[in-house]
N, C-alpha and C. Protein backbone atom coordinates (compact mmCIF):
# COMPACT_ATOMS: atom_id res chain seq x y z
N UNK A 1 45.39 114.04 -220.39
CA UNK A 1 45.59 113.14 -219.25
C UNK A 1 46.89 113.51 -218.52
N UNK A 2 46.80 113.71 -217.22
CA UNK A 2 47.97 114.08 -216.44
C UNK A 2 48.95 112.92 -216.35
N UNK A 3 50.23 113.24 -216.31
CA UNK A 3 51.24 112.23 -216.09
C UNK A 3 51.46 112.04 -214.59
N UNK A 4 51.90 110.85 -214.21
CA UNK A 4 52.24 110.58 -212.82
C UNK A 4 53.76 110.68 -212.68
N UNK A 5 54.19 111.52 -211.75
CA UNK A 5 55.61 111.81 -211.58
C UNK A 5 56.03 111.53 -210.13
N UNK A 6 57.30 111.19 -209.90
CA UNK A 6 57.76 111.02 -208.52
C UNK A 6 57.64 112.32 -207.73
N UNK A 7 57.19 112.22 -206.51
CA UNK A 7 57.12 113.36 -205.59
C UNK A 7 58.46 113.48 -204.87
N UNK A 8 58.72 114.61 -204.23
CA UNK A 8 59.97 114.75 -203.46
C UNK A 8 59.99 113.85 -202.23
N UNK A 9 58.80 113.44 -201.76
CA UNK A 9 58.71 112.48 -200.65
C UNK A 9 58.90 111.08 -201.21
N UNK A 10 59.79 110.30 -200.59
CA UNK A 10 60.01 108.93 -201.05
C UNK A 10 58.71 108.14 -201.10
N UNK A 11 58.57 107.37 -202.17
CA UNK A 11 57.45 106.43 -202.36
C UNK A 11 56.09 107.12 -202.55
N UNK A 12 56.11 108.42 -202.78
CA UNK A 12 54.88 109.16 -203.11
C UNK A 12 55.03 109.69 -204.54
N UNK A 13 53.90 109.75 -205.23
CA UNK A 13 53.87 110.26 -206.61
C UNK A 13 52.84 111.37 -206.69
N UNK A 14 52.90 112.16 -207.78
CA UNK A 14 51.95 113.26 -207.96
C UNK A 14 51.61 113.41 -209.44
N UNK A 15 50.47 114.07 -209.69
CA UNK A 15 50.18 114.41 -211.07
C UNK A 15 51.06 115.59 -211.49
N UNK A 16 51.12 115.86 -212.79
CA UNK A 16 52.05 116.89 -213.26
C UNK A 16 51.64 118.31 -212.88
N UNK A 17 50.46 118.46 -212.30
CA UNK A 17 50.04 119.77 -211.79
C UNK A 17 50.25 119.89 -210.28
N UNK A 18 50.62 118.79 -209.64
CA UNK A 18 50.86 118.81 -208.20
C UNK A 18 49.59 118.93 -207.38
N UNK A 19 48.46 118.58 -207.96
CA UNK A 19 47.17 118.73 -207.27
C UNK A 19 46.74 117.45 -206.56
N UNK A 20 47.26 116.32 -207.00
CA UNK A 20 46.89 115.05 -206.40
C UNK A 20 48.15 114.25 -206.11
N UNK A 21 48.10 113.43 -205.06
CA UNK A 21 49.21 112.54 -204.76
C UNK A 21 48.74 111.09 -204.81
N UNK A 22 49.69 110.19 -205.03
CA UNK A 22 49.39 108.78 -205.25
C UNK A 22 50.47 107.91 -204.61
N UNK A 23 50.13 106.63 -204.44
CA UNK A 23 51.14 105.61 -204.15
C UNK A 23 51.04 104.55 -205.23
N UNK A 24 52.15 103.86 -205.44
CA UNK A 24 52.17 102.76 -206.41
C UNK A 24 51.61 101.52 -205.75
N UNK A 25 50.54 101.00 -206.28
CA UNK A 25 49.82 99.91 -205.61
C UNK A 25 50.62 98.61 -205.60
N UNK A 26 50.68 97.99 -204.41
CA UNK A 26 51.29 96.66 -204.32
C UNK A 26 50.26 95.58 -204.63
N UNK A 27 49.01 96.00 -204.85
CA UNK A 27 47.93 95.05 -205.11
C UNK A 27 47.06 95.58 -206.26
N UNK A 28 47.58 95.55 -207.48
CA UNK A 28 46.83 96.08 -208.62
C UNK A 28 45.45 95.45 -208.76
N UNK A 29 44.52 96.26 -209.22
CA UNK A 29 43.15 95.79 -209.42
C UNK A 29 42.26 95.93 -208.21
N UNK A 30 42.83 96.44 -207.10
CA UNK A 30 42.06 96.59 -205.87
C UNK A 30 41.99 98.06 -205.46
N UNK A 31 40.78 98.51 -205.10
CA UNK A 31 40.58 99.86 -204.56
C UNK A 31 39.70 99.72 -203.33
N UNK A 32 40.29 99.34 -202.18
CA UNK A 32 39.50 99.01 -200.99
C UNK A 32 38.71 100.18 -200.40
N UNK A 33 39.08 101.42 -200.77
CA UNK A 33 38.38 102.59 -200.23
C UNK A 33 37.76 103.44 -201.34
N UNK A 34 37.46 102.77 -202.47
CA UNK A 34 36.85 103.44 -203.63
C UNK A 34 37.69 104.62 -204.12
N UNK A 35 39.00 104.53 -203.91
CA UNK A 35 39.89 105.59 -204.36
C UNK A 35 40.08 105.54 -205.88
N UNK A 36 40.45 106.67 -206.45
CA UNK A 36 40.73 106.73 -207.88
C UNK A 36 41.98 105.92 -208.20
N UNK A 37 41.91 105.15 -209.29
CA UNK A 37 43.04 104.37 -209.75
C UNK A 37 43.50 104.94 -211.09
N UNK A 38 44.79 105.18 -211.21
CA UNK A 38 45.36 105.66 -212.47
C UNK A 38 46.36 104.62 -212.95
N UNK A 39 46.21 104.20 -214.20
CA UNK A 39 47.12 103.22 -214.79
C UNK A 39 48.02 103.93 -215.78
N UNK A 40 49.31 103.87 -215.53
CA UNK A 40 50.26 104.51 -216.44
C UNK A 40 51.34 103.52 -216.83
N UNK A 41 51.37 103.21 -218.11
CA UNK A 41 52.35 102.27 -218.67
C UNK A 41 52.34 100.94 -217.92
N UNK A 42 51.14 100.49 -217.60
CA UNK A 42 50.98 99.20 -216.96
C UNK A 42 51.21 99.20 -215.46
N UNK A 43 51.47 100.37 -214.88
CA UNK A 43 51.67 100.50 -213.43
C UNK A 43 50.46 101.19 -212.83
N UNK A 44 49.96 100.64 -211.72
CA UNK A 44 48.74 101.16 -211.12
C UNK A 44 49.06 102.05 -209.91
N UNK A 45 48.45 103.23 -209.88
CA UNK A 45 48.64 104.19 -208.79
C UNK A 45 47.29 104.48 -208.14
N UNK A 46 47.29 104.59 -206.80
CA UNK A 46 46.08 104.89 -206.03
C UNK A 46 46.14 106.32 -205.51
N UNK A 47 45.04 107.07 -205.70
CA UNK A 47 45.02 108.44 -205.20
C UNK A 47 44.91 108.45 -203.68
N UNK A 48 45.76 109.25 -203.04
CA UNK A 48 45.87 109.37 -201.59
C UNK A 48 45.24 110.70 -201.18
N UNK A 49 44.06 110.62 -200.57
CA UNK A 49 43.23 111.80 -200.32
C UNK A 49 43.62 112.52 -199.03
N UNK A 50 44.06 113.79 -199.10
CA UNK A 50 44.49 114.51 -197.89
C UNK A 50 43.35 114.86 -196.94
N UNK A 51 42.12 114.72 -197.39
CA UNK A 51 40.98 114.96 -196.50
C UNK A 51 40.56 113.69 -195.76
N UNK A 52 41.23 112.59 -196.06
CA UNK A 52 40.94 111.33 -195.37
C UNK A 52 42.13 110.81 -194.58
N UNK A 53 43.28 111.47 -194.73
CA UNK A 53 44.50 110.99 -194.08
C UNK A 53 45.37 112.15 -193.64
N UNK A 54 45.81 112.12 -192.37
CA UNK A 54 46.72 113.16 -191.89
C UNK A 54 48.08 113.07 -192.58
N UNK A 55 48.51 111.88 -192.94
CA UNK A 55 49.77 111.75 -193.64
C UNK A 55 49.69 112.41 -195.02
N UNK A 56 48.62 112.15 -195.75
CA UNK A 56 48.44 112.79 -197.06
C UNK A 56 48.34 114.30 -196.91
N UNK A 57 47.64 114.76 -195.86
CA UNK A 57 47.53 116.20 -195.61
C UNK A 57 48.91 116.81 -195.35
N UNK A 58 49.73 116.11 -194.58
CA UNK A 58 51.08 116.59 -194.27
C UNK A 58 51.91 116.73 -195.55
N UNK A 59 51.80 115.75 -196.44
CA UNK A 59 52.51 115.81 -197.72
C UNK A 59 52.04 117.01 -198.54
N UNK A 60 50.72 117.21 -198.60
CA UNK A 60 50.17 118.32 -199.38
C UNK A 60 50.51 119.67 -198.77
N UNK A 61 50.79 119.71 -197.47
CA UNK A 61 51.17 120.97 -196.82
C UNK A 61 52.66 121.30 -196.98
N UNK A 62 53.41 120.44 -197.69
CA UNK A 62 54.79 120.77 -198.01
C UNK A 62 55.85 120.04 -197.21
N UNK A 63 55.48 118.94 -196.56
CA UNK A 63 56.47 118.13 -195.85
C UNK A 63 57.63 117.75 -196.78
N UNK A 64 58.84 117.80 -196.27
CA UNK A 64 60.01 117.48 -197.10
C UNK A 64 60.58 116.11 -196.82
N UNK A 65 60.22 115.51 -195.68
CA UNK A 65 60.72 114.18 -195.34
C UNK A 65 59.75 113.52 -194.38
N UNK A 66 58.99 112.54 -194.89
CA UNK A 66 58.04 111.83 -194.04
C UNK A 66 58.69 110.68 -193.30
N UNK A 67 59.93 110.36 -193.61
CA UNK A 67 60.66 109.34 -192.88
C UNK A 67 60.36 107.90 -193.27
N UNK A 68 59.40 107.70 -194.17
CA UNK A 68 58.98 106.34 -194.55
C UNK A 68 59.68 105.95 -195.85
N UNK A 69 60.28 104.77 -195.85
CA UNK A 69 61.02 104.28 -197.01
C UNK A 69 60.56 102.88 -197.39
N UNK A 70 60.85 102.48 -198.59
CA UNK A 70 60.60 101.10 -199.02
C UNK A 70 61.35 100.15 -198.09
N UNK A 71 60.74 99.03 -197.78
CA UNK A 71 61.29 97.95 -196.94
C UNK A 71 61.29 98.28 -195.44
N UNK A 72 60.77 99.45 -195.04
CA UNK A 72 60.74 99.81 -193.62
C UNK A 72 59.79 98.92 -192.83
N UNK A 73 60.08 98.83 -191.53
CA UNK A 73 59.17 98.22 -190.57
C UNK A 73 58.52 99.36 -189.79
N UNK A 74 57.19 99.36 -189.74
CA UNK A 74 56.42 100.46 -189.18
C UNK A 74 55.56 99.98 -188.01
N UNK A 75 55.50 100.77 -186.96
CA UNK A 75 54.51 100.58 -185.90
C UNK A 75 53.47 101.67 -186.06
N UNK A 76 52.24 101.28 -186.37
CA UNK A 76 51.16 102.24 -186.61
C UNK A 76 50.17 102.16 -185.44
N UNK A 77 50.10 103.23 -184.66
CA UNK A 77 49.22 103.30 -183.49
C UNK A 77 47.94 104.05 -183.86
N UNK A 78 46.81 103.38 -183.71
CA UNK A 78 45.54 103.98 -184.09
C UNK A 78 45.19 103.66 -185.53
N UNK A 79 45.32 102.40 -185.90
CA UNK A 79 45.19 101.99 -187.31
C UNK A 79 43.78 102.17 -187.87
N UNK A 80 42.77 102.13 -187.01
CA UNK A 80 41.37 102.33 -187.40
C UNK A 80 40.99 101.36 -188.54
N UNK A 81 40.18 101.84 -189.51
CA UNK A 81 39.70 100.96 -190.57
C UNK A 81 40.77 100.65 -191.61
N UNK A 82 41.89 101.38 -191.57
CA UNK A 82 43.00 101.01 -192.44
C UNK A 82 43.24 101.88 -193.65
N UNK A 83 42.57 103.06 -193.73
CA UNK A 83 42.76 103.90 -194.93
C UNK A 83 44.23 104.29 -195.09
N UNK A 84 44.79 105.01 -194.11
CA UNK A 84 46.18 105.46 -194.24
C UNK A 84 47.14 104.29 -194.26
N UNK A 85 46.87 103.29 -193.45
CA UNK A 85 47.79 102.14 -193.38
C UNK A 85 47.87 101.42 -194.73
N UNK A 86 46.80 101.46 -195.51
CA UNK A 86 46.83 100.81 -196.82
C UNK A 86 47.80 101.52 -197.77
N UNK A 87 47.91 102.84 -197.63
CA UNK A 87 48.84 103.60 -198.48
C UNK A 87 50.28 103.44 -197.98
N UNK A 88 50.46 103.35 -196.66
CA UNK A 88 51.79 103.07 -196.14
C UNK A 88 52.23 101.67 -196.58
N UNK A 89 51.27 100.76 -196.68
CA UNK A 89 51.54 99.42 -197.21
C UNK A 89 52.14 99.50 -198.61
N UNK A 90 51.59 100.38 -199.45
CA UNK A 90 52.17 100.61 -200.77
C UNK A 90 53.57 101.19 -200.66
N UNK A 91 53.75 102.15 -199.73
CA UNK A 91 55.03 102.86 -199.62
C UNK A 91 56.17 101.94 -199.18
N UNK A 92 55.92 101.07 -198.21
CA UNK A 92 56.99 100.18 -197.73
C UNK A 92 57.17 98.99 -198.65
N UNK A 93 56.14 98.67 -199.43
CA UNK A 93 56.23 97.59 -200.41
C UNK A 93 56.15 96.20 -199.80
N UNK A 94 56.26 95.21 -200.64
CA UNK A 94 56.08 93.82 -200.21
C UNK A 94 57.18 93.35 -199.26
N UNK A 95 58.33 94.02 -199.27
CA UNK A 95 59.42 93.65 -198.37
C UNK A 95 59.38 94.44 -197.06
N UNK A 96 58.43 95.37 -196.95
CA UNK A 96 58.23 96.10 -195.70
C UNK A 96 57.21 95.40 -194.83
N UNK A 97 56.98 95.97 -193.63
CA UNK A 97 56.04 95.36 -192.68
C UNK A 97 55.44 96.45 -191.80
N UNK A 98 54.14 96.32 -191.53
CA UNK A 98 53.45 97.29 -190.68
C UNK A 98 52.69 96.55 -189.60
N UNK A 99 52.97 96.91 -188.34
CA UNK A 99 52.17 96.43 -187.22
C UNK A 99 51.09 97.47 -186.96
N UNK A 100 49.83 97.09 -187.15
CA UNK A 100 48.70 98.01 -186.97
C UNK A 100 48.01 97.76 -185.64
N UNK A 101 48.09 98.75 -184.74
CA UNK A 101 47.52 98.61 -183.39
C UNK A 101 46.22 99.40 -183.29
N UNK A 102 45.18 98.76 -182.77
CA UNK A 102 43.94 99.48 -182.46
C UNK A 102 43.17 98.69 -181.41
N UNK A 103 42.49 99.39 -180.46
CA UNK A 103 41.79 98.68 -179.39
C UNK A 103 40.33 98.35 -179.71
N UNK A 104 39.82 98.81 -180.86
CA UNK A 104 38.39 98.66 -181.17
C UNK A 104 38.14 97.43 -182.04
N UNK A 105 37.42 96.43 -181.52
CA UNK A 105 37.18 95.21 -182.29
C UNK A 105 36.50 95.44 -183.64
N UNK A 106 35.60 96.42 -183.70
CA UNK A 106 34.86 96.65 -184.96
C UNK A 106 35.80 97.10 -186.07
N UNK A 107 36.69 98.06 -185.78
CA UNK A 107 37.60 98.53 -186.82
C UNK A 107 38.70 97.50 -187.08
N UNK A 108 39.07 96.75 -186.06
CA UNK A 108 40.08 95.72 -186.23
C UNK A 108 39.60 94.64 -187.21
N UNK A 109 38.31 94.38 -187.20
CA UNK A 109 37.76 93.42 -188.17
C UNK A 109 38.02 93.89 -189.59
N UNK A 110 37.80 95.19 -189.85
CA UNK A 110 38.06 95.75 -191.18
C UNK A 110 39.54 95.64 -191.53
N UNK A 111 40.39 95.90 -190.53
CA UNK A 111 41.84 95.85 -190.77
C UNK A 111 42.29 94.42 -191.07
N UNK A 112 41.67 93.45 -190.41
CA UNK A 112 41.99 92.04 -190.67
C UNK A 112 41.64 91.68 -192.12
N UNK A 113 40.48 92.13 -192.59
CA UNK A 113 40.10 91.88 -193.98
C UNK A 113 41.10 92.50 -194.95
N UNK A 114 41.55 93.71 -194.64
CA UNK A 114 42.54 94.39 -195.48
C UNK A 114 43.85 93.61 -195.48
N UNK A 115 44.25 93.13 -194.30
CA UNK A 115 45.52 92.41 -194.16
C UNK A 115 45.51 91.04 -194.83
N UNK A 116 44.32 90.49 -195.03
CA UNK A 116 44.24 89.21 -195.72
C UNK A 116 44.73 89.34 -197.16
N UNK A 117 44.56 90.52 -197.74
CA UNK A 117 45.04 90.76 -199.11
C UNK A 117 46.41 91.42 -199.11
N UNK A 118 46.62 92.35 -198.16
CA UNK A 118 47.90 93.06 -198.08
C UNK A 118 48.75 92.36 -197.02
N UNK A 119 49.60 91.49 -197.47
CA UNK A 119 50.32 90.59 -196.57
C UNK A 119 51.38 91.30 -195.73
N UNK A 120 51.66 92.57 -196.02
CA UNK A 120 52.67 93.28 -195.21
C UNK A 120 52.05 94.03 -194.03
N UNK A 121 50.77 93.78 -193.76
CA UNK A 121 50.09 94.38 -192.60
C UNK A 121 49.81 93.29 -191.56
N UNK A 122 50.20 93.58 -190.31
CA UNK A 122 49.94 92.66 -189.19
C UNK A 122 49.00 93.37 -188.21
N UNK A 123 47.70 93.02 -188.19
CA UNK A 123 46.76 93.69 -187.28
C UNK A 123 46.90 93.14 -185.86
N UNK A 124 46.91 94.05 -184.88
CA UNK A 124 47.00 93.64 -183.48
C UNK A 124 45.95 94.39 -182.67
N UNK A 125 45.04 93.64 -182.06
CA UNK A 125 44.02 94.23 -181.19
C UNK A 125 44.67 94.54 -179.85
N UNK A 126 44.98 95.80 -179.63
CA UNK A 126 45.68 96.20 -178.40
C UNK A 126 45.51 97.71 -178.22
N UNK A 127 45.84 98.17 -177.01
CA UNK A 127 45.72 99.58 -176.65
C UNK A 127 47.10 100.21 -176.63
N UNK A 128 47.30 101.27 -177.43
CA UNK A 128 48.60 101.95 -177.49
C UNK A 128 49.01 102.55 -176.14
N UNK A 129 48.02 102.75 -175.26
CA UNK A 129 48.30 103.21 -173.89
C UNK A 129 49.03 102.15 -173.08
N UNK A 130 48.97 100.92 -173.53
CA UNK A 130 49.55 99.80 -172.78
C UNK A 130 50.44 98.97 -173.70
N UNK A 131 51.61 99.52 -174.08
CA UNK A 131 52.48 98.79 -175.00
C UNK A 131 52.98 97.46 -174.48
N UNK A 132 52.85 97.25 -173.16
CA UNK A 132 53.23 95.94 -172.62
C UNK A 132 52.36 94.83 -173.21
N UNK A 133 51.16 95.20 -173.72
CA UNK A 133 50.28 94.20 -174.34
C UNK A 133 50.88 93.61 -175.61
N UNK A 134 51.72 94.37 -176.30
CA UNK A 134 52.29 93.88 -177.56
C UNK A 134 53.82 93.90 -177.56
N UNK A 135 54.41 94.08 -176.39
CA UNK A 135 55.86 94.18 -176.26
C UNK A 135 56.57 92.95 -176.81
N UNK A 136 56.01 91.78 -176.59
CA UNK A 136 56.64 90.54 -177.04
C UNK A 136 56.17 90.11 -178.43
N UNK A 137 55.33 90.93 -179.05
CA UNK A 137 54.73 90.52 -180.32
C UNK A 137 55.28 91.27 -181.52
N UNK A 138 56.05 92.33 -181.27
CA UNK A 138 56.61 93.09 -182.39
C UNK A 138 58.10 93.30 -182.19
N UNK A 139 58.77 93.70 -183.26
CA UNK A 139 60.21 93.91 -183.21
C UNK A 139 60.51 95.42 -183.17
N UNK A 140 61.78 95.76 -183.15
CA UNK A 140 62.17 97.16 -183.27
C UNK A 140 61.77 97.68 -184.66
N UNK A 141 61.40 98.96 -184.74
CA UNK A 141 60.85 99.48 -185.99
C UNK A 141 61.64 100.69 -186.48
N UNK A 142 61.49 100.96 -187.78
CA UNK A 142 62.13 102.12 -188.40
C UNK A 142 61.31 103.39 -188.21
N UNK A 143 59.98 103.21 -188.08
CA UNK A 143 59.07 104.36 -187.98
C UNK A 143 57.94 104.04 -187.01
N UNK A 144 57.61 105.02 -186.15
CA UNK A 144 56.39 104.96 -185.34
C UNK A 144 55.45 106.04 -185.88
N UNK A 145 54.26 105.63 -186.28
CA UNK A 145 53.24 106.56 -186.78
C UNK A 145 52.06 106.50 -185.82
N UNK A 146 51.63 107.65 -185.31
CA UNK A 146 50.53 107.65 -184.33
C UNK A 146 49.42 108.61 -184.70
N UNK A 147 48.20 108.08 -184.69
CA UNK A 147 46.99 108.89 -184.88
C UNK A 147 45.97 108.39 -183.86
N UNK A 148 46.16 108.84 -182.62
CA UNK A 148 45.34 108.39 -181.49
C UNK A 148 44.70 109.61 -180.84
N UNK A 149 43.38 109.67 -180.87
CA UNK A 149 42.67 110.85 -180.35
C UNK A 149 42.40 110.69 -178.85
N UNK A 150 43.46 110.76 -178.04
CA UNK A 150 43.33 110.68 -176.60
C UNK A 150 44.03 111.86 -175.94
N UNK A 151 43.64 112.14 -174.74
CA UNK A 151 44.17 113.31 -174.03
C UNK A 151 45.70 113.25 -173.86
N UNK A 152 46.22 112.06 -173.62
CA UNK A 152 47.65 111.89 -173.37
C UNK A 152 48.40 111.44 -174.62
N UNK A 153 48.07 112.03 -175.76
CA UNK A 153 48.65 111.63 -177.04
C UNK A 153 50.18 111.67 -177.03
N UNK A 154 50.74 112.72 -176.48
CA UNK A 154 52.20 112.89 -176.50
C UNK A 154 52.88 111.82 -175.65
N UNK A 155 52.29 111.49 -174.48
CA UNK A 155 52.87 110.48 -173.61
C UNK A 155 52.84 109.10 -174.26
N UNK A 156 51.74 108.78 -174.93
CA UNK A 156 51.63 107.49 -175.63
C UNK A 156 52.71 107.39 -176.70
N UNK A 157 52.86 108.46 -177.48
CA UNK A 157 53.84 108.49 -178.56
C UNK A 157 55.26 108.33 -178.01
N UNK A 158 55.59 109.11 -177.00
CA UNK A 158 56.94 109.09 -176.44
C UNK A 158 57.29 107.70 -175.89
N UNK A 159 56.35 107.10 -175.18
CA UNK A 159 56.62 105.79 -174.58
C UNK A 159 56.85 104.72 -175.65
N UNK A 160 56.02 104.73 -176.69
CA UNK A 160 56.17 103.75 -177.76
C UNK A 160 57.46 103.97 -178.55
N UNK A 161 57.84 105.23 -178.74
CA UNK A 161 59.11 105.51 -179.43
C UNK A 161 60.29 105.01 -178.60
N UNK A 162 60.23 105.22 -177.29
CA UNK A 162 61.31 104.73 -176.41
C UNK A 162 61.44 103.21 -176.48
N UNK A 163 60.31 102.53 -176.52
CA UNK A 163 60.31 101.07 -176.47
C UNK A 163 60.66 100.42 -177.81
N UNK A 164 60.17 101.00 -178.90
CA UNK A 164 60.22 100.27 -180.18
C UNK A 164 61.01 100.94 -181.30
N UNK A 165 61.22 102.25 -181.24
CA UNK A 165 61.85 102.95 -182.35
C UNK A 165 63.37 102.81 -182.31
N UNK A 166 63.95 102.41 -183.43
CA UNK A 166 65.40 102.28 -183.53
C UNK A 166 66.07 103.66 -183.41
N UNK A 167 67.28 103.74 -182.90
CA UNK A 167 68.03 105.00 -182.95
C UNK A 167 68.16 105.47 -184.40
N UNK A 168 67.90 106.74 -184.64
CA UNK A 168 67.91 107.27 -186.00
C UNK A 168 66.60 107.08 -186.74
N UNK A 169 65.63 106.37 -186.09
CA UNK A 169 64.33 106.16 -186.71
C UNK A 169 63.45 107.39 -186.60
N UNK A 170 62.36 107.37 -187.36
CA UNK A 170 61.45 108.52 -187.43
C UNK A 170 60.14 108.24 -186.71
N UNK A 171 59.56 109.29 -186.15
CA UNK A 171 58.24 109.21 -185.54
C UNK A 171 57.34 110.30 -186.12
N UNK A 172 56.11 109.94 -186.43
CA UNK A 172 55.13 110.89 -186.95
C UNK A 172 53.95 110.91 -185.99
N UNK A 173 53.71 112.07 -185.39
CA UNK A 173 52.62 112.22 -184.41
C UNK A 173 51.57 113.17 -184.95
N UNK A 174 50.37 112.64 -185.20
CA UNK A 174 49.23 113.48 -185.57
C UNK A 174 48.56 113.93 -184.27
N UNK A 175 48.53 115.23 -184.03
CA UNK A 175 47.98 115.78 -182.79
C UNK A 175 46.57 116.33 -183.05
N UNK A 176 45.61 115.84 -182.28
CA UNK A 176 44.24 116.37 -182.34
C UNK A 176 44.01 117.22 -181.10
N UNK A 177 44.00 118.54 -181.29
CA UNK A 177 43.96 119.47 -180.16
C UNK A 177 42.71 119.30 -179.31
N UNK A 178 41.57 119.09 -179.94
CA UNK A 178 40.30 119.03 -179.20
C UNK A 178 40.18 117.78 -178.33
N UNK A 179 40.98 116.80 -178.60
CA UNK A 179 40.99 115.62 -177.74
C UNK A 179 41.82 115.86 -176.48
N UNK A 180 42.64 116.91 -176.51
CA UNK A 180 43.50 117.23 -175.36
C UNK A 180 42.83 118.25 -174.45
N UNK A 181 42.34 119.34 -175.03
CA UNK A 181 41.68 120.39 -174.23
C UNK A 181 40.82 121.24 -175.16
N UNK A 182 39.52 121.14 -175.01
CA UNK A 182 38.60 121.82 -175.92
C UNK A 182 38.58 123.34 -175.69
N UNK A 183 39.05 123.78 -174.53
CA UNK A 183 38.97 125.21 -174.18
C UNK A 183 40.20 126.01 -174.64
N UNK A 184 41.33 125.36 -174.79
CA UNK A 184 42.57 126.06 -175.15
C UNK A 184 42.71 126.23 -176.66
N UNK A 185 43.48 127.22 -177.06
CA UNK A 185 43.75 127.42 -178.47
C UNK A 185 44.61 126.27 -179.01
N UNK A 186 44.24 125.79 -180.19
CA UNK A 186 44.96 124.66 -180.78
C UNK A 186 46.44 124.96 -180.92
N UNK A 187 46.78 126.18 -181.36
CA UNK A 187 48.19 126.53 -181.59
C UNK A 187 49.00 126.44 -180.30
N UNK A 188 48.38 126.80 -179.17
CA UNK A 188 49.08 126.72 -177.88
C UNK A 188 49.35 125.27 -177.50
N UNK A 189 48.39 124.41 -177.77
CA UNK A 189 48.56 122.98 -177.49
C UNK A 189 49.66 122.39 -178.37
N UNK A 190 49.63 122.74 -179.65
CA UNK A 190 50.64 122.24 -180.58
C UNK A 190 52.04 122.65 -180.13
N UNK A 191 52.18 123.91 -179.74
CA UNK A 191 53.48 124.43 -179.32
C UNK A 191 53.98 123.70 -178.07
N UNK A 192 53.07 123.48 -177.12
CA UNK A 192 53.45 122.80 -175.88
C UNK A 192 53.95 121.39 -176.15
N UNK A 193 53.24 120.66 -177.02
CA UNK A 193 53.64 119.28 -177.33
C UNK A 193 54.96 119.28 -178.10
N UNK A 194 55.11 120.21 -179.03
CA UNK A 194 56.36 120.29 -179.77
C UNK A 194 57.54 120.54 -178.83
N UNK A 195 57.36 121.43 -177.87
CA UNK A 195 58.44 121.74 -176.92
C UNK A 195 58.80 120.53 -176.07
N UNK A 196 57.78 119.76 -175.67
CA UNK A 196 58.04 118.53 -174.90
C UNK A 196 58.86 117.54 -175.73
N UNK A 197 58.48 117.38 -176.99
CA UNK A 197 59.17 116.43 -177.85
C UNK A 197 60.60 116.87 -178.14
N UNK A 198 60.80 118.18 -178.26
CA UNK A 198 62.15 118.70 -178.57
C UNK A 198 63.15 118.42 -177.45
N UNK A 199 62.65 118.19 -176.24
CA UNK A 199 63.54 117.87 -175.13
C UNK A 199 64.08 116.44 -175.22
N UNK A 200 63.42 115.61 -176.02
CA UNK A 200 63.75 114.19 -176.08
C UNK A 200 64.27 113.78 -177.46
N UNK A 201 63.64 114.32 -178.51
CA UNK A 201 63.97 113.93 -179.88
C UNK A 201 64.42 115.16 -180.69
N UNK A 202 64.83 114.91 -181.92
CA UNK A 202 65.08 115.99 -182.87
C UNK A 202 63.81 116.19 -183.70
N UNK A 203 63.18 117.35 -183.60
CA UNK A 203 61.99 117.64 -184.40
C UNK A 203 62.45 118.10 -185.78
N UNK A 204 62.06 117.36 -186.81
CA UNK A 204 62.51 117.71 -188.16
C UNK A 204 61.43 118.38 -189.00
N UNK A 205 60.17 118.30 -188.57
CA UNK A 205 59.10 119.00 -189.30
C UNK A 205 57.89 119.16 -188.40
N UNK A 206 57.16 120.22 -188.67
CA UNK A 206 55.92 120.51 -187.92
C UNK A 206 55.02 121.33 -188.83
N UNK A 207 53.77 120.90 -188.97
CA UNK A 207 52.82 121.67 -189.77
C UNK A 207 51.42 121.49 -189.23
N UNK A 208 50.63 122.58 -189.24
CA UNK A 208 49.20 122.43 -189.01
C UNK A 208 48.59 121.85 -190.28
N UNK A 209 47.49 121.13 -190.14
CA UNK A 209 46.94 120.38 -191.27
C UNK A 209 45.71 121.02 -191.91
N UNK A 210 45.33 122.23 -191.47
CA UNK A 210 44.24 122.90 -192.15
C UNK A 210 44.69 123.29 -193.56
N UNK A 211 43.82 123.34 -194.56
CA UNK A 211 42.37 123.19 -194.48
C UNK A 211 41.88 121.74 -194.53
N UNK A 212 42.81 120.79 -194.58
CA UNK A 212 42.40 119.39 -194.73
C UNK A 212 41.84 118.82 -193.43
N UNK A 213 42.47 119.15 -192.32
CA UNK A 213 42.03 118.67 -191.00
C UNK A 213 42.06 119.84 -190.03
N UNK A 214 40.91 120.23 -189.52
CA UNK A 214 40.83 121.35 -188.59
C UNK A 214 41.33 120.94 -187.20
N UNK A 215 42.05 121.85 -186.55
CA UNK A 215 42.55 121.62 -185.18
C UNK A 215 43.48 120.42 -185.07
N UNK A 216 44.21 120.16 -186.14
CA UNK A 216 45.20 119.09 -186.15
C UNK A 216 46.55 119.64 -186.60
N UNK A 217 47.61 119.02 -186.10
CA UNK A 217 48.94 119.25 -186.65
C UNK A 217 49.65 117.91 -186.74
N UNK A 218 50.78 117.91 -187.45
CA UNK A 218 51.63 116.73 -187.43
C UNK A 218 53.05 117.17 -187.09
N UNK A 219 53.67 116.41 -186.20
CA UNK A 219 55.05 116.65 -185.80
C UNK A 219 55.86 115.41 -186.18
N UNK A 220 56.97 115.63 -186.87
CA UNK A 220 57.84 114.52 -187.28
C UNK A 220 59.16 114.64 -186.52
N UNK A 221 59.53 113.56 -185.87
CA UNK A 221 60.75 113.56 -185.06
C UNK A 221 61.74 112.52 -185.56
N UNK A 222 62.98 112.67 -185.16
CA UNK A 222 64.00 111.64 -185.39
C UNK A 222 64.59 111.29 -184.04
N UNK A 223 64.71 110.00 -183.78
CA UNK A 223 65.24 109.56 -182.50
C UNK A 223 66.76 109.68 -182.49
N UNK A 224 67.27 110.26 -181.43
CA UNK A 224 68.71 110.50 -181.31
C UNK A 224 69.47 109.20 -181.04
């Protein structure tokens, strides 16, 4: 039986072979996405699948600092059904808080059900393209995490970081190249977006996410 050990990324754990990553569950006995549960010395860990989450893929690709800490306040743009947000819920812990934004009522329903059990998640039915919709409903945050498959992904991210991210806070942008331009090479799109972000923020990490996610990269920034 593999042991569960702390990963170099805060609030992430790994097996002793480094093949799987986990978070320490804030809600033992629950596996909302049928994920593997490992119990070690009375502590429950949930397997974080890199083929289902860009954040997990980024960790598996060698990220050295995801910017997420226990007790952080997070703005999550593109929360969807809540897979990744459930693991960030574990990472920030019961004293942390996550505002989950999504414009789709169907997925928001799933997120509401998740938030009923995970009290550190606040679901908000809103469009990340229009942060004025939630400007008065959230506070300044330590981290902005974005996974929005729209053509203007970089503009949405930059605007939300300007409005809500604290100075010195971190931003994680998952870029889906095919949502921006299906004809251009993904690497060219990634480079262009990285260069735009470097003019405004400090880019601290950048990685393509293959083989876990094709035509995706993640860029991690720190606000000056």
